[in-house]
């Protein structure tokens, strides 16, 4: 007969899986994925499948979480191009940093000497967006549709006008 505590341990599997699916922050999801793997390894060990438990602990928990962490950390960067003389000043950059924090992104300013270099960097996928001064405010151009949607809802038109430019060079203005 199976001990009662085994049922409680097994009940943690769907609970942690549900928490994993509902998690918004990718770094928190990694921690929960590690817990899910540890619980699965514990269940396997308690039920007598030591070889499966060891495999789950090594591959399902340690290796996969490590690889996911590397992938998530390297992909959550907003590389934003600016002209050298505009670097790190203005309300726009302050707002972009706050938006990046809210969406769990790292914000990295990359300076370029002239407008042509900025546009070439966007086409070559070195940066995801750039801004340049236009009259009294900024004009921001992005090549990432999701970033365009986020900035469209978060930024005021009085601070920047926003343009989405996809790789086929069709342009959508806001």
N, C-alpha and C. Protein backbone atom coordinates (compact mmCIF):
# COMPACT_ATOMS: atom_id res chain seq x y z
N UNK A 1 0.84 -1.18 0.00
CA UNK A 1 0.00 0.00 0.00
C UNK A 1 0.89 1.25 0.00
N UNK A 2 0.48 2.23 -0.76
CA UNK A 2 1.24 3.47 -0.89
C UNK A 2 0.96 4.37 0.30
N UNK A 3 2.04 4.98 0.80
CA UNK A 3 1.91 5.89 1.93
C UNK A 3 1.13 7.15 1.52
N UNK A 4 0.52 7.80 2.48
CA UNK A 4 -0.30 8.98 2.22
C UNK A 4 0.52 10.15 1.72
N UNK A 5 1.76 10.31 2.21
CA UNK A 5 2.58 11.44 1.80
C UNK A 5 2.90 11.42 0.31
N UNK A 6 2.89 10.24 -0.31
CA UNK A 6 3.16 10.14 -1.75
C UNK A 6 2.09 10.89 -2.53
N UNK A 7 0.84 10.80 -2.10
CA UNK A 7 -0.26 11.50 -2.78
C UNK A 7 -0.05 13.02 -2.72
N UNK A 8 0.43 13.50 -1.61
CA UNK A 8 0.69 14.94 -1.50
C UNK A 8 1.83 15.37 -2.42
N UNK A 9 2.87 14.55 -2.49
CA UNK A 9 3.99 14.87 -3.38
C UNK A 9 3.55 14.85 -4.84
N UNK A 10 2.77 13.83 -5.20
CA UNK A 10 2.27 13.72 -6.58
C UNK A 10 1.34 14.88 -6.91
N UNK A 11 0.57 15.35 -5.93
CA UNK A 11 -0.34 16.49 -6.16
C UNK A 11 0.43 17.78 -6.45
N UNK A 12 1.68 17.84 -6.04
CA UNK A 12 2.49 19.03 -6.34
C UNK A 12 2.86 19.15 -7.83
N UNK A 13 2.86 18.02 -8.54
CA UNK A 13 3.22 18.06 -9.96
C UNK A 13 2.26 18.92 -10.79
N UNK A 14 0.94 18.63 -10.78
CA UNK A 14 0.07 19.50 -11.59
C UNK A 14 0.00 20.93 -11.06
N UNK A 15 0.15 21.10 -9.75
CA UNK A 15 0.13 22.44 -9.18
C UNK A 15 1.32 23.26 -9.68
N UNK A 16 2.50 22.68 -9.65
CA UNK A 16 3.68 23.40 -10.13
C UNK A 16 3.64 23.58 -11.65
N UNK A 17 3.07 22.61 -12.37
CA UNK A 17 2.93 22.76 -13.82
C UNK A 17 1.98 23.92 -14.16
N UNK A 18 0.91 24.05 -13.41
CA UNK A 18 -0.03 25.15 -13.61
C UNK A 18 0.64 26.49 -13.31
N UNK A 19 1.42 26.53 -12.22
CA UNK A 19 2.14 27.76 -11.88
C UNK A 19 3.12 28.13 -13.00
N UNK A 20 3.76 27.13 -13.59
CA UNK A 20 4.72 27.37 -14.67
C UNK A 20 4.03 27.96 -15.89
N UNK A 21 2.89 27.40 -16.25
CA UNK A 21 2.16 27.87 -17.43
C UNK A 21 1.64 29.30 -17.24
N UNK A 22 1.23 29.64 -16.03
CA UNK A 22 0.65 30.95 -15.77
C UNK A 22 1.68 32.03 -15.47
N UNK A 23 2.95 31.67 -15.35
CA UNK A 23 3.98 32.64 -14.98
C UNK A 23 4.28 33.58 -16.14
N UNK A 24 4.36 34.87 -15.85
CA UNK A 24 4.63 35.90 -16.86
C UNK A 24 6.12 36.20 -16.96
N UNK A 25 6.78 36.27 -15.83
CA UNK A 25 8.20 36.59 -15.80
C UNK A 25 9.00 35.35 -16.20
N UNK A 26 9.80 35.43 -17.27
CA UNK A 26 10.54 34.25 -17.72
C UNK A 26 11.56 33.74 -16.71
N UNK A 27 12.15 34.63 -15.93
CA UNK A 27 13.13 34.18 -14.94
C UNK A 27 12.45 33.43 -13.79
N UNK A 28 11.28 33.89 -13.39
CA UNK A 28 10.52 33.16 -12.37
C UNK A 28 10.06 31.80 -12.91
N UNK A 29 9.72 31.76 -14.20
CA UNK A 29 9.32 30.51 -14.83
C UNK A 29 10.47 29.49 -14.81
N UNK A 30 11.69 29.97 -14.94
CA UNK A 30 12.84 29.07 -14.87
C UNK A 30 12.96 28.43 -13.49
N UNK A 31 12.74 29.22 -12.46
CA UNK A 31 12.82 28.69 -11.09
C UNK A 31 11.72 27.65 -10.88
N UNK A 32 10.53 27.95 -11.35
CA UNK A 32 9.42 27.02 -11.19
C UNK A 32 9.68 25.75 -12.01
N UNK A 33 10.31 25.89 -13.19
CA UNK A 33 10.66 24.71 -14.00
C UNK A 33 11.65 23.83 -13.24
N UNK A 34 12.59 24.45 -12.55
CA UNK A 34 13.52 23.67 -11.74
C UNK A 34 12.81 22.94 -10.61
N UNK A 35 11.85 23.61 -9.97
CA UNK A 35 11.07 22.96 -8.91
C UNK A 35 10.23 21.81 -9.46
N UNK A 36 9.66 22.01 -10.64
CA UNK A 36 8.87 20.95 -11.27
C UNK A 36 9.72 19.72 -11.53
N UNK A 37 10.93 19.92 -12.05
CA UNK A 37 11.83 18.80 -12.28
C UNK A 37 12.25 18.11 -10.99
N UNK A 38 12.48 18.91 -9.93
CA UNK A 38 12.86 18.33 -8.64
C UNK A 38 11.72 17.51 -8.05
N UNK A 39 10.50 18.01 -8.18
CA UNK A 39 9.34 17.27 -7.67
C UNK A 39 9.16 15.98 -8.46
N UNK A 40 9.32 16.05 -9.79
CA UNK A 40 9.21 14.84 -10.61
C UNK A 40 10.29 13.82 -10.23
N UNK A 41 11.50 14.28 -9.97
CA UNK A 41 12.57 13.37 -9.54
C UNK A 41 12.25 12.76 -8.19
N UNK A 42 11.69 13.55 -7.28
CA UNK A 42 11.31 13.05 -5.96
C UNK A 42 10.22 11.99 -6.07
N UNK A 43 9.22 12.23 -6.92
CA UNK A 43 8.15 11.25 -7.11
C UNK A 43 8.72 9.95 -7.67
N UNK A 44 9.60 10.05 -8.66
CA UNK A 44 10.21 8.86 -9.23
C UNK A 44 11.01 8.10 -8.18
N UNK A 45 11.75 8.81 -7.34
CA UNK A 45 12.55 8.16 -6.31
C UNK A 45 11.67 7.48 -5.27
N UNK A 46 10.60 8.14 -4.85
CA UNK A 46 9.70 7.57 -3.84
C UNK A 46 9.00 6.32 -4.39
N UNK A 47 8.69 6.33 -5.67
CA UNK A 47 8.00 5.19 -6.27
C UNK A 47 8.96 4.08 -6.70
N UNK A 48 10.25 4.25 -6.44
CA UNK A 48 11.21 3.18 -6.67
C UNK A 48 11.90 3.20 -8.01
N UNK A 49 11.78 4.24 -8.78
CA UNK A 49 12.45 4.33 -10.07
C UNK A 49 13.67 5.26 -9.93
N UNK A 50 14.69 4.73 -9.28
CA UNK A 50 15.87 5.54 -8.98
C UNK A 50 16.59 6.00 -10.25
N UNK A 51 16.64 5.13 -11.27
CA UNK A 51 17.32 5.52 -12.51
C UNK A 51 16.59 6.66 -13.22
N UNK A 52 15.28 6.61 -13.23
CA UNK A 52 14.49 7.67 -13.85
C UNK A 52 14.62 8.96 -13.03
N UNK A 53 14.64 8.83 -11.70
CA UNK A 53 14.79 9.99 -10.83
C UNK A 53 16.13 10.68 -11.06
N UNK A 54 17.19 9.89 -11.20
CA UNK A 54 18.51 10.46 -11.45
C UNK A 54 18.56 11.16 -12.80
N UNK A 55 17.99 10.53 -13.81
CA UNK A 55 17.95 11.16 -15.14
C UNK A 55 17.15 12.46 -15.11
N UNK A 56 16.01 12.45 -14.44
CA UNK A 56 15.19 13.67 -14.34
C UNK A 56 15.93 14.77 -13.60
N UNK A 57 16.61 14.40 -12.54
CA UNK A 57 17.33 15.41 -11.76
C UNK A 57 18.47 16.02 -12.58
N UNK A 58 19.20 15.20 -13.32
CA UNK A 58 20.34 15.72 -14.07
C UNK A 58 19.93 16.43 -15.36
N UNK A 59 19.09 15.79 -16.15
CA UNK A 59 18.74 16.35 -17.45
C UNK A 59 17.54 17.28 -17.35
N UNK A 60 16.47 16.81 -16.75
CA UNK A 60 15.23 17.57 -16.70
C UNK A 60 15.29 18.80 -15.82
N UNK A 61 16.15 18.77 -14.83
CA UNK A 61 16.22 19.91 -13.92
C UNK A 61 17.47 20.73 -14.18
N UNK A 62 18.62 20.14 -13.97
CA UNK A 62 19.85 20.92 -14.01
C UNK A 62 20.22 21.39 -15.42
N UNK A 63 20.29 20.48 -16.37
CA UNK A 63 20.74 20.84 -17.71
C UNK A 63 19.74 21.73 -18.44
N UNK A 64 18.48 21.36 -18.41
CA UNK A 64 17.50 22.15 -19.15
C UNK A 64 17.33 23.55 -18.55
N UNK A 65 17.32 23.67 -17.24
CA UNK A 65 17.19 24.99 -16.61
C UNK A 65 18.41 25.85 -16.93
N UNK A 66 19.59 25.26 -16.93
CA UNK A 66 20.80 26.01 -17.27
C UNK A 66 20.75 26.52 -18.71
N UNK A 67 20.36 25.65 -19.63
CA UNK A 67 20.29 26.06 -21.03
C UNK A 67 19.19 27.10 -21.25
N UNK A 68 18.04 26.93 -20.60
CA UNK A 68 16.96 27.92 -20.70
C UNK A 68 17.41 29.27 -20.13
N UNK A 69 18.12 29.23 -19.03
CA UNK A 69 18.58 30.48 -18.41
C UNK A 69 19.51 31.24 -19.35
N UNK A 70 20.40 30.54 -20.00
CA UNK A 70 21.30 31.18 -20.95
C UNK A 70 20.51 31.77 -22.12
N UNK A 71 19.56 31.01 -22.64
CA UNK A 71 18.76 31.49 -23.77
C UNK A 71 17.89 32.68 -23.39
N UNK A 72 17.24 32.61 -22.25
CA UNK A 72 16.37 33.70 -21.81
C UNK A 72 17.17 34.96 -21.54
N UNK A 73 18.28 34.82 -20.87
CA UNK A 73 19.09 35.98 -20.51
C UNK A 73 19.64 36.68 -21.75
N UNK A 74 20.03 35.92 -22.75
CA UNK A 74 20.59 36.55 -23.94
C UNK A 74 19.51 37.13 -24.86
N UNK A 75 18.28 36.67 -24.75
CA UNK A 75 17.23 37.16 -25.65
C UNK A 75 16.45 38.34 -25.09
N UNK A 76 16.55 38.63 -23.83
CA UNK A 76 15.75 39.69 -23.23
C UNK A 76 16.50 41.02 -23.15
N UNK A 77 17.00 41.45 -24.30
CA UNK A 77 17.74 42.71 -24.36
C UNK A 77 17.11 43.58 -25.44
N UNK A 78 16.82 44.82 -25.10
CA UNK A 78 16.39 45.80 -26.09
C UNK A 78 17.62 46.62 -26.46
N UNK A 79 18.14 46.37 -27.65
CA UNK A 79 19.28 47.14 -28.14
C UNK A 79 18.71 48.34 -28.89
N UNK A 80 18.96 49.53 -28.34
CA UNK A 80 18.35 50.76 -28.83
C UNK A 80 19.44 51.68 -29.34
N UNK A 81 19.36 52.07 -30.60
CA UNK A 81 20.37 52.92 -31.21
C UNK A 81 20.09 54.40 -31.01
N UNK A 82 21.13 55.14 -30.76
CA UNK A 82 21.03 56.60 -30.63
C UNK A 82 22.24 57.23 -31.31
N UNK A 83 22.09 58.50 -31.63
CA UNK A 83 23.24 59.24 -32.14
C UNK A 83 24.18 59.54 -30.98
N UNK A 84 25.45 59.61 -31.24
CA UNK A 84 26.46 59.78 -30.21
C UNK A 84 26.20 60.99 -29.33
N UNK A 85 25.76 62.11 -29.91
CA UNK A 85 25.55 63.32 -29.12
C UNK A 85 24.26 63.29 -28.31
N UNK A 86 23.37 62.32 -28.55
CA UNK A 86 22.10 62.22 -27.79
C UNK A 86 22.14 61.16 -26.71
N UNK A 87 23.26 60.52 -26.50
CA UNK A 87 23.32 59.37 -25.62
C UNK A 87 22.99 59.73 -24.17
N UNK A 88 22.07 58.94 -23.61
CA UNK A 88 21.72 58.98 -22.18
C UNK A 88 21.06 60.26 -21.68
N UNK A 89 20.46 61.04 -22.55
CA UNK A 89 19.75 62.20 -22.03
C UNK A 89 18.32 62.17 -22.56
N UNK A 90 17.45 62.85 -21.90
CA UNK A 90 16.09 63.00 -22.37
C UNK A 90 15.09 62.11 -21.67
N UNK A 91 13.88 62.58 -21.73
CA UNK A 91 12.76 61.89 -21.10
C UNK A 91 12.46 60.56 -21.78
N UNK A 92 12.67 60.49 -23.10
CA UNK A 92 12.39 59.27 -23.84
C UNK A 92 13.19 58.09 -23.30
N UNK A 93 14.49 58.28 -23.07
CA UNK A 93 15.33 57.18 -22.61
C UNK A 93 14.97 56.76 -21.19
N UNK A 94 14.58 57.71 -20.37
CA UNK A 94 14.12 57.39 -19.01
C UNK A 94 12.85 56.53 -19.08
N UNK A 95 11.91 56.92 -19.94
CA UNK A 95 10.67 56.15 -20.09
C UNK A 95 10.94 54.76 -20.67
N UNK A 96 11.86 54.67 -21.62
CA UNK A 96 12.20 53.37 -22.21
C UNK A 96 12.81 52.43 -21.17
N UNK A 97 13.65 52.96 -20.30
CA UNK A 97 14.22 52.14 -19.23
C UNK A 97 13.11 51.59 -18.31
N UNK A 98 12.14 52.45 -17.97
CA UNK A 98 11.03 52.01 -17.12
C UNK A 98 10.16 50.97 -17.82
N UNK A 99 9.92 51.15 -19.11
CA UNK A 99 9.14 50.18 -19.87
C UNK A 99 9.87 48.84 -19.92
N UNK A 100 11.17 48.89 -20.13
CA UNK A 100 11.96 47.65 -20.17
C UNK A 100 11.90 46.93 -18.84
N UNK A 101 11.98 47.66 -17.74
CA UNK A 101 11.86 47.03 -16.42
C UNK A 101 10.51 46.36 -16.26
N UNK A 102 9.48 47.04 -16.70
CA UNK A 102 8.12 46.51 -16.58
C UNK A 102 7.94 45.22 -17.38
N UNK A 103 8.59 45.12 -18.54
CA UNK A 103 8.47 43.94 -19.40
C UNK A 103 9.66 42.99 -19.26
N UNK A 104 10.44 43.15 -18.20
CA UNK A 104 11.55 42.25 -17.87
C UNK A 104 12.61 42.19 -18.97
N UNK A 105 12.95 43.35 -19.50
CA UNK A 105 13.99 43.46 -20.51
C UNK A 105 15.17 44.25 -19.96
N UNK A 106 16.34 43.99 -20.51
CA UNK A 106 17.49 44.84 -20.22
C UNK A 106 17.55 45.89 -21.33
N UNK A 107 17.86 47.10 -20.98
CA UNK A 107 17.90 48.21 -21.93
C UNK A 107 19.36 48.56 -22.20
N UNK A 108 19.74 48.49 -23.46
CA UNK A 108 21.13 48.77 -23.81
C UNK A 108 21.16 49.82 -24.92
N UNK A 109 21.75 50.98 -24.61
CA UNK A 109 21.92 52.04 -25.60
C UNK A 109 23.19 51.79 -26.40
N UNK A 110 23.06 51.87 -27.70
CA UNK A 110 24.21 51.71 -28.58
C UNK A 110 24.31 52.97 -29.43
N UNK A 111 25.44 53.65 -29.34
CA UNK A 111 25.57 54.94 -30.04
C UNK A 111 26.19 54.74 -31.42
N UNK A 112 25.72 55.58 -32.34
CA UNK A 112 26.20 55.59 -33.73
C UNK A 112 26.54 57.03 -34.11
N UNK A 113 27.50 57.21 -35.00
CA UNK A 113 27.97 58.57 -35.31
C UNK A 113 26.99 59.40 -36.15
N UNK A 114 26.18 58.75 -37.01
CA UNK A 114 25.29 59.51 -37.88
C UNK A 114 24.00 58.74 -38.16
N UNK A 115 23.06 59.44 -38.78
CA UNK A 115 21.74 58.88 -39.07
C UNK A 115 21.82 57.66 -40.01
N UNK A 116 22.69 57.70 -40.98
CA UNK A 116 22.83 56.58 -41.92
C UNK A 116 23.29 55.31 -41.21
N UNK A 117 24.19 55.47 -40.25
CA UNK A 117 24.67 54.32 -39.48
C UNK A 117 23.55 53.71 -38.65
N UNK A 118 22.70 54.57 -38.07
CA UNK A 118 21.55 54.08 -37.30
C UNK A 118 20.62 53.26 -38.19
N UNK A 119 20.30 53.78 -39.35
CA UNK A 119 19.39 53.08 -40.26
C UNK A 119 19.99 51.77 -40.75
N UNK A 120 21.29 51.77 -41.03
CA UNK A 120 21.96 50.54 -41.46
C UNK A 120 21.98 49.51 -40.33
N UNK A 121 22.16 49.95 -39.10
CA UNK A 121 22.16 49.03 -37.96
C UNK A 121 20.79 48.39 -37.78
N UNK A 122 19.74 49.15 -38.01
CA UNK A 122 18.38 48.60 -37.92
C UNK A 122 18.16 47.57 -39.03
N UNK A 123 18.57 47.88 -40.24
CA UNK A 123 18.42 46.94 -41.36
C UNK A 123 19.24 45.67 -41.15
N UNK A 124 20.43 45.82 -40.56
CA UNK A 124 21.33 44.68 -40.34
C UNK A 124 21.02 43.91 -39.05
N UNK A 125 19.97 44.31 -38.36
CA UNK A 125 19.50 43.66 -37.13
C UNK A 125 20.51 43.76 -35.98
N UNK A 126 21.31 44.80 -35.97
CA UNK A 126 22.21 45.05 -34.84
C UNK A 126 21.44 45.66 -33.67
N UNK A 127 20.38 46.40 -33.99
CA UNK A 127 19.53 47.03 -32.98
C UNK A 127 18.07 46.72 -33.32
N UNK A 128 17.20 46.82 -32.30
CA UNK A 128 15.77 46.59 -32.54
C UNK A 128 15.03 47.89 -32.81
N UNK A 129 15.56 49.01 -32.38
CA UNK A 129 14.89 50.30 -32.56
C UNK A 129 15.91 51.42 -32.42
N UNK A 130 15.53 52.60 -32.91
CA UNK A 130 16.34 53.78 -32.68
C UNK A 130 15.45 55.01 -32.65
N UNK A 131 15.98 56.06 -32.09
CA UNK A 131 15.25 57.32 -32.01
C UNK A 131 16.18 58.44 -32.45
N UNK A 132 15.59 59.41 -33.11
CA UNK A 132 16.33 60.62 -33.45
C UNK A 132 15.42 61.82 -33.20
N UNK A 133 16.05 62.94 -32.92
CA UNK A 133 15.27 64.15 -32.63
C UNK A 133 14.61 64.67 -33.90
N UNK A 134 13.36 65.08 -33.71
CA UNK A 134 12.61 65.62 -34.84
C UNK A 134 11.77 66.77 -34.31
N UNK A 135 12.10 67.97 -34.70
CA UNK A 135 11.42 69.19 -34.22
C UNK A 135 11.50 69.26 -32.70
N UNK A 136 10.35 69.19 -32.02
CA UNK A 136 10.35 69.35 -30.56
C UNK A 136 10.37 68.03 -29.81
N UNK A 137 10.21 66.90 -30.50
CA UNK A 137 10.24 65.62 -29.82
C UNK A 137 11.08 64.61 -30.61
N UNK A 138 10.92 63.34 -30.31
CA UNK A 138 11.68 62.29 -30.96
C UNK A 138 10.83 61.56 -31.99
N UNK A 139 11.52 60.90 -32.90
CA UNK A 139 10.87 59.96 -33.81
C UNK A 139 11.54 58.61 -33.58
N UNK A 140 10.75 57.61 -33.20
CA UNK A 140 11.27 56.28 -32.88
C UNK A 140 10.85 55.31 -33.97
N UNK A 141 11.80 54.53 -34.45
CA UNK A 141 11.55 53.52 -35.48
C UNK A 141 11.98 52.17 -34.92
N UNK A 142 11.12 51.17 -35.09
CA UNK A 142 11.43 49.82 -34.63
C UNK A 142 11.16 48.81 -35.73
N UNK A 143 11.87 47.70 -35.71
CA UNK A 143 11.67 46.64 -36.68
C UNK A 143 10.96 45.43 -36.06
N UNK A 144 10.65 45.51 -34.76
CA UNK A 144 10.02 44.40 -34.04
C UNK A 144 8.56 44.76 -33.77
N UNK A 145 7.66 43.97 -34.33
CA UNK A 145 6.23 44.27 -34.23
C UNK A 145 5.76 44.31 -32.78
N UNK A 146 6.17 43.35 -31.96
CA UNK A 146 5.75 43.32 -30.56
C UNK A 146 6.25 44.55 -29.81
N UNK A 147 7.47 44.95 -30.08
CA UNK A 147 8.01 46.15 -29.47
C UNK A 147 7.22 47.38 -29.89
N UNK A 148 6.83 47.44 -31.15
CA UNK A 148 6.00 48.53 -31.64
C UNK A 148 4.68 48.58 -30.87
N UNK A 149 4.06 47.42 -30.67
CA UNK A 149 2.78 47.36 -29.94
C UNK A 149 2.95 47.83 -28.49
N UNK A 150 4.03 47.42 -27.85
CA UNK A 150 4.28 47.83 -26.47
C UNK A 150 4.50 49.33 -26.39
N UNK A 151 5.37 49.86 -27.25
CA UNK A 151 5.67 51.28 -27.22
C UNK A 151 4.46 52.12 -27.59
N UNK A 152 3.63 51.60 -28.47
CA UNK A 152 2.43 52.33 -28.88
C UNK A 152 1.48 52.54 -27.71
N UNK A 153 1.39 51.55 -26.83
CA UNK A 153 0.51 51.68 -25.67
C UNK A 153 1.16 52.43 -24.51
N UNK A 154 2.48 52.38 -24.41
CA UNK A 154 3.17 52.93 -23.24
C UNK A 154 3.67 54.37 -23.43
N UNK A 155 4.00 54.76 -24.65
CA UNK A 155 4.59 56.08 -24.88
C UNK A 155 3.55 57.07 -25.39
N UNK A 156 3.67 58.28 -24.95
CA UNK A 156 2.78 59.35 -25.36
C UNK A 156 3.23 59.91 -26.71
N UNK A 157 2.30 60.22 -27.60
CA UNK A 157 2.67 60.84 -28.88
C UNK A 157 3.34 62.20 -28.72
N UNK A 158 3.17 62.84 -27.57
CA UNK A 158 3.83 64.13 -27.35
C UNK A 158 5.33 63.97 -27.11
N UNK A 159 5.76 62.77 -26.74
CA UNK A 159 7.18 62.51 -26.50
C UNK A 159 7.86 62.01 -27.77
N UNK A 160 7.21 61.08 -28.47
CA UNK A 160 7.80 60.51 -29.67
C UNK A 160 6.72 60.08 -30.65
N UNK A 161 7.01 60.25 -31.91
CA UNK A 161 6.18 59.61 -32.93
C UNK A 161 6.80 58.24 -33.16
N UNK A 162 5.99 57.28 -33.52
CA UNK A 162 6.44 55.89 -33.57
C UNK A 162 6.19 55.32 -34.95
N UNK A 163 7.18 54.59 -35.48
CA UNK A 163 7.06 53.95 -36.78
C UNK A 163 7.52 52.50 -36.67
N UNK A 164 6.74 51.61 -37.28
CA UNK A 164 7.14 50.20 -37.38
C UNK A 164 7.65 49.99 -38.80
N UNK A 165 8.85 49.44 -38.91
CA UNK A 165 9.42 49.16 -40.21
C UNK A 165 9.80 47.68 -40.25
N UNK A 166 9.07 46.91 -41.06
CA UNK A 166 9.41 45.49 -41.14
C UNK A 166 10.53 45.28 -42.16
N UNK A 167 10.99 44.06 -42.29
CA UNK A 167 12.16 43.78 -43.12
C UNK A 167 11.91 43.96 -44.61
N UNK A 168 10.64 43.97 -45.01
CA UNK A 168 10.35 44.18 -46.43
C UNK A 168 10.17 45.66 -46.75
N UNK A 169 10.53 46.51 -45.78
CA UNK A 169 10.54 47.97 -45.94
C UNK A 169 9.17 48.62 -46.08
N UNK A 170 8.10 47.91 -45.73
CA UNK A 170 6.82 48.61 -45.67
C UNK A 170 6.74 49.27 -44.30
N UNK A 171 6.12 50.43 -44.26
CA UNK A 171 6.16 51.24 -43.06
C UNK A 171 4.75 51.50 -42.56
N UNK A 172 4.59 51.44 -41.24
CA UNK A 172 3.33 51.74 -40.58
C UNK A 172 3.60 52.89 -39.61
N UNK A 173 2.88 53.98 -39.72
CA UNK A 173 3.14 55.14 -38.84
C UNK A 173 2.08 55.29 -37.80
N UNK A 174 2.48 55.91 -36.70
CA UNK A 174 1.55 56.20 -35.60
C UNK A 174 1.60 57.68 -35.33
